[in-house]
Amino acid sequence: MENKSTEFERIISRRDLREIIFGAAGAIAFGYLAYRSADLLTRVSYAWIAASFLWIIYWLRRNSYLHRSPARDQSVGAYYRALFDSYEQQVWLLRTAKLWYVLPIWSGLMLFAFATWRVQHNIGVLLTLLITFNVTFGFVWWLNQSWGVRYLRRKQEELAKLGRAGE
């Protein structure tokens, strides 16, 4: 069970670190683009996207239970329950990713697409941006809702088998 816990912590810590690094890079890049933009609506869309990256970092740090991993000096049953709850917390994060992860960036990109159309008056560019952003973020949503949740549920079931074997 301790090996499962260590493996789980590694997976979550790598994911958190990856999201924090990309979030910081995205916030810096879009913050710079907002600063350099001449068009007000484009500037607002870039600032929105930069703020979205910061929001994701904040939300993930606040709600990821990595820093609250189960204490190893408790009974096996209590340790199992705490580890099971950690899996549940990560499933919840994936199920709600559409609200705290996809929606903020997607809405900023929709604003950017509109700002681009307003400046260029090119419907082809607008449609290309809308299709690209919607397909990309639809895929991210699907990935979190289906593959990510199923993966964690499989790992949780493996943990449950270990728990039943230990009883």
Protein backbone atom coordinates (compact mmCIF):
# COMPACT_ATOMS: atom_id res chain seq x y z
CA MET A 1 0.00 0.00 0.00
CA GLU A 2 2.91 2.32 0.73
CA ASN A 3 4.28 1.68 -2.77
CA LYS A 4 0.90 2.65 -4.26
CA SER A 5 0.92 5.79 -2.15
CA THR A 6 4.41 6.74 -3.28
CA GLU A 7 3.53 6.08 -6.93
CA PHE A 8 0.37 8.16 -6.60
CA GLU A 9 2.26 11.04 -4.96
CA ARG A 10 4.84 10.99 -7.78
CA ILE A 11 2.13 11.11 -10.46
CA ILE A 12 0.34 14.00 -8.76
CA SER A 13 3.50 15.94 -7.98
CA ARG A 14 4.68 15.65 -11.60
CA ARG A 15 1.30 16.81 -12.85
CA ASP A 16 1.24 19.73 -10.41
CA LEU A 17 4.79 20.76 -11.27
CA ARG A 18 4.07 20.55 -15.01
CA GLU A 19 0.90 22.65 -14.65
CA ILE A 20 2.67 25.23 -12.48
CA ILE A 21 5.58 25.59 -14.92
CA PHE A 22 3.33 25.85 -17.98
CA GLY A 23 0.92 28.11 -16.10
CA ALA A 24 3.71 30.49 -15.08
CA ALA A 25 5.13 30.49 -18.62
CA GLY A 26 1.66 31.13 -20.07
CA ALA A 27 0.95 33.93 -17.60
CA ILE A 28 4.27 35.61 -18.40
CA ALA A 29 3.87 35.20 -22.18
CA PHE A 30 0.27 36.43 -22.32
CA GLY A 31 1.01 39.17 -19.79
CA TYR A 32 3.75 40.40 -22.09
CA LEU A 33 1.44 40.20 -25.11
CA ALA A 34 -1.18 42.19 -23.19
CA TYR A 35 1.41 44.82 -22.31
CA ARG A 36 2.55 45.11 -25.94
CA SER A 37 -0.87 45.03 -27.60
CA ALA A 38 -2.17 48.23 -29.17
CA ASP A 39 -5.82 47.14 -29.44
CA LEU A 40 -7.79 47.40 -26.18
CA LEU A 41 -9.95 44.31 -26.73
CA THR A 42 -6.94 42.22 -27.73
CA ARG A 43 -5.11 43.50 -24.63
CA VAL A 44 -8.06 42.53 -22.45
CA SER A 45 -8.20 39.04 -23.99
CA TYR A 46 -4.46 38.51 -23.42
CA ALA A 47 -4.76 39.78 -19.84
CA TRP A 48 -7.74 37.45 -19.30
CA ILE A 49 -5.73 34.47 -20.55
CA ALA A 50 -2.73 35.43 -18.38
CA ALA A 51 -5.02 35.74 -15.34
CA SER A 52 -6.53 32.35 -16.24
CA PHE A 53 -3.11 30.72 -16.03
CA LEU A 54 -2.55 32.30 -12.62
CA TRP A 55 -6.01 31.12 -11.54
CA ILE A 56 -5.18 27.55 -12.56
CA ILE A 57 -1.97 27.63 -10.52
CA TYR A 58 -3.85 29.00 -7.51
CA TRP A 59 -6.73 26.52 -7.82
CA LEU A 60 -4.44 23.55 -8.25
CA ARG A 61 -2.23 24.50 -5.30
CA ARG A 62 -5.26 25.13 -3.14
CA ASN A 63 -7.14 21.94 -4.01
CA SER A 64 -4.47 19.36 -4.76
CA TYR A 65 -4.02 17.18 -1.73
CA LEU A 66 -0.41 16.37 -2.48
CA HIS A 67 0.77 18.51 0.41
CA ARG A 68 -1.77 16.70 2.61
CA SER A 69 -0.65 13.16 1.83
CA PRO A 70 -1.59 10.56 4.44
CA ALA A 71 0.66 10.24 7.46
CA ARG A 72 2.48 6.93 7.37
CA ASP A 73 2.48 6.45 11.15
CA GLN A 74 -1.25 5.74 11.45
CA SER A 75 -3.08 2.40 11.44
CA VAL A 76 -3.35 0.54 8.15
CA GLY A 77 -7.10 1.15 7.99
CA ALA A 78 -6.75 4.88 8.63
CA TYR A 79 -3.88 5.10 6.14
CA TYR A 80 -5.95 3.27 3.51
CA ARG A 81 -8.93 5.59 4.11
CA ALA A 82 -6.75 8.72 3.84
CA LEU A 83 -5.15 7.43 0.64
CA PHE A 84 -8.56 6.51 -0.79
CA ASP A 85 -9.76 10.05 0.01
CA SER A 86 -6.71 11.47 -1.79
CA TYR A 87 -7.74 9.55 -4.91
CA GLU A 88 -11.27 10.91 -4.54
CA GLN A 89 -9.90 14.45 -4.31
CA GLN A 90 -7.94 13.98 -7.54
CA VAL A 91 -11.01 12.53 -9.29
CA TRP A 92 -12.97 15.57 -8.15
CA LEU A 93 -10.26 17.86 -9.58
CA LEU A 94 -10.50 16.09 -12.94
CA ARG A 95 -14.30 16.11 -13.00
CA THR A 96 -14.42 19.84 -12.23
CA ALA A 97 -11.54 20.76 -14.57
CA LYS A 98 -14.06 22.08 -17.08
CA LEU A 99 -14.85 24.88 -14.62
CA TRP A 100 -11.48 25.83 -13.15
CA TYR A 101 -9.18 24.82 -16.03
CA VAL A 102 -10.94 24.74 -19.40
CA LEU A 103 -13.53 27.50 -19.03
CA PRO A 104 -11.23 30.38 -17.95
CA ILE A 105 -8.70 29.91 -20.75
CA TRP A 106 -11.33 28.98 -23.34
CA SER A 107 -13.37 32.13 -22.60
CA GLY A 108 -10.24 34.29 -22.95
CA LEU A 109 -9.46 32.63 -26.27
CA MET A 110 -13.02 33.21 -27.47
CA LEU A 111 -12.59 36.89 -26.61
CA PHE A 112 -9.27 36.86 -28.48
CA ALA A 113 -10.94 35.30 -31.54
CA PHE A 114 -13.58 38.02 -31.52
CA ALA A 115 -10.91 40.74 -31.04
CA THR A 116 -8.94 39.32 -33.97
CA TRP A 117 -12.03 39.32 -36.18
CA ARG A 118 -12.86 42.88 -35.09
CA VAL A 119 -9.40 44.08 -36.13
CA GLN A 120 -8.94 41.99 -39.30
CA HIS A 121 -12.56 41.60 -40.47
CA ASN A 122 -11.63 38.16 -41.79
CA ILE A 123 -14.33 35.56 -41.20
CA GLY A 124 -11.98 32.74 -42.29
CA VAL A 125 -9.53 33.57 -39.51
CA LEU A 126 -12.38 33.82 -37.00
CA LEU A 127 -13.78 30.42 -38.00
CA THR A 128 -10.32 28.84 -37.93
CA LEU A 129 -9.66 30.19 -34.43
CA LEU A 130 -13.09 29.17 -33.15
CA ILE A 131 -12.81 25.64 -34.53
CA THR A 132 -9.23 25.20 -33.32
CA PHE A 133 -9.95 26.49 -29.80
CA ASN A 134 -13.18 24.52 -29.44
CA VAL A 135 -11.72 21.26 -30.71
CA THR A 136 -8.59 21.63 -28.57
CA PHE A 137 -10.41 22.48 -25.36
CA GLY A 138 -13.14 19.94 -26.10
CA PHE A 139 -10.38 17.33 -26.28
CA VAL A 140 -8.85 18.54 -23.00
CA TRP A 141 -12.28 18.36 -21.38
CA TRP A 142 -12.85 14.85 -22.71
CA LEU A 143 -9.36 13.75 -21.66
CA ASN A 144 -9.97 14.84 -18.07
CA GLN A 145 -13.53 13.49 -17.89
CA SER A 146 -12.90 10.13 -19.47
CA TRP A 147 -9.31 8.95 -19.56
CA GLY A 148 -8.08 10.76 -16.45
CA VAL A 149 -11.00 9.72 -14.25
CA ARG A 150 -10.90 6.12 -15.53
CA TYR A 151 -7.16 5.93 -14.85
CA LEU A 152 -7.59 7.13 -11.27
CA ARG A 153 -10.55 4.78 -10.72
CA ARG A 154 -8.42 1.83 -11.89
CA LYS A 155 -5.65 2.86 -9.51
CA GLN A 156 -8.21 3.28 -6.75
CA GLU A 157 -9.57 -0.21 -7.41
CA GLU A 158 -6.05 -1.64 -7.18
CA LEU A 159 -5.74 0.10 -3.84
CA ALA A 160 -9.10 -1.33 -2.73
CA LYS A 161 -7.91 -4.85 -3.60
CA LEU A 162 -4.80 -4.28 -1.51
CA GLY A 163 -6.98 -3.00 1.33
CA ARG A 164 -9.25 -6.06 1.17
CA ALA A 165 -6.24 -8.38 1.03
CA GLY A 166 -4.79 -6.69 4.12
CA GLU A 167 -7.97 -7.12 6.19
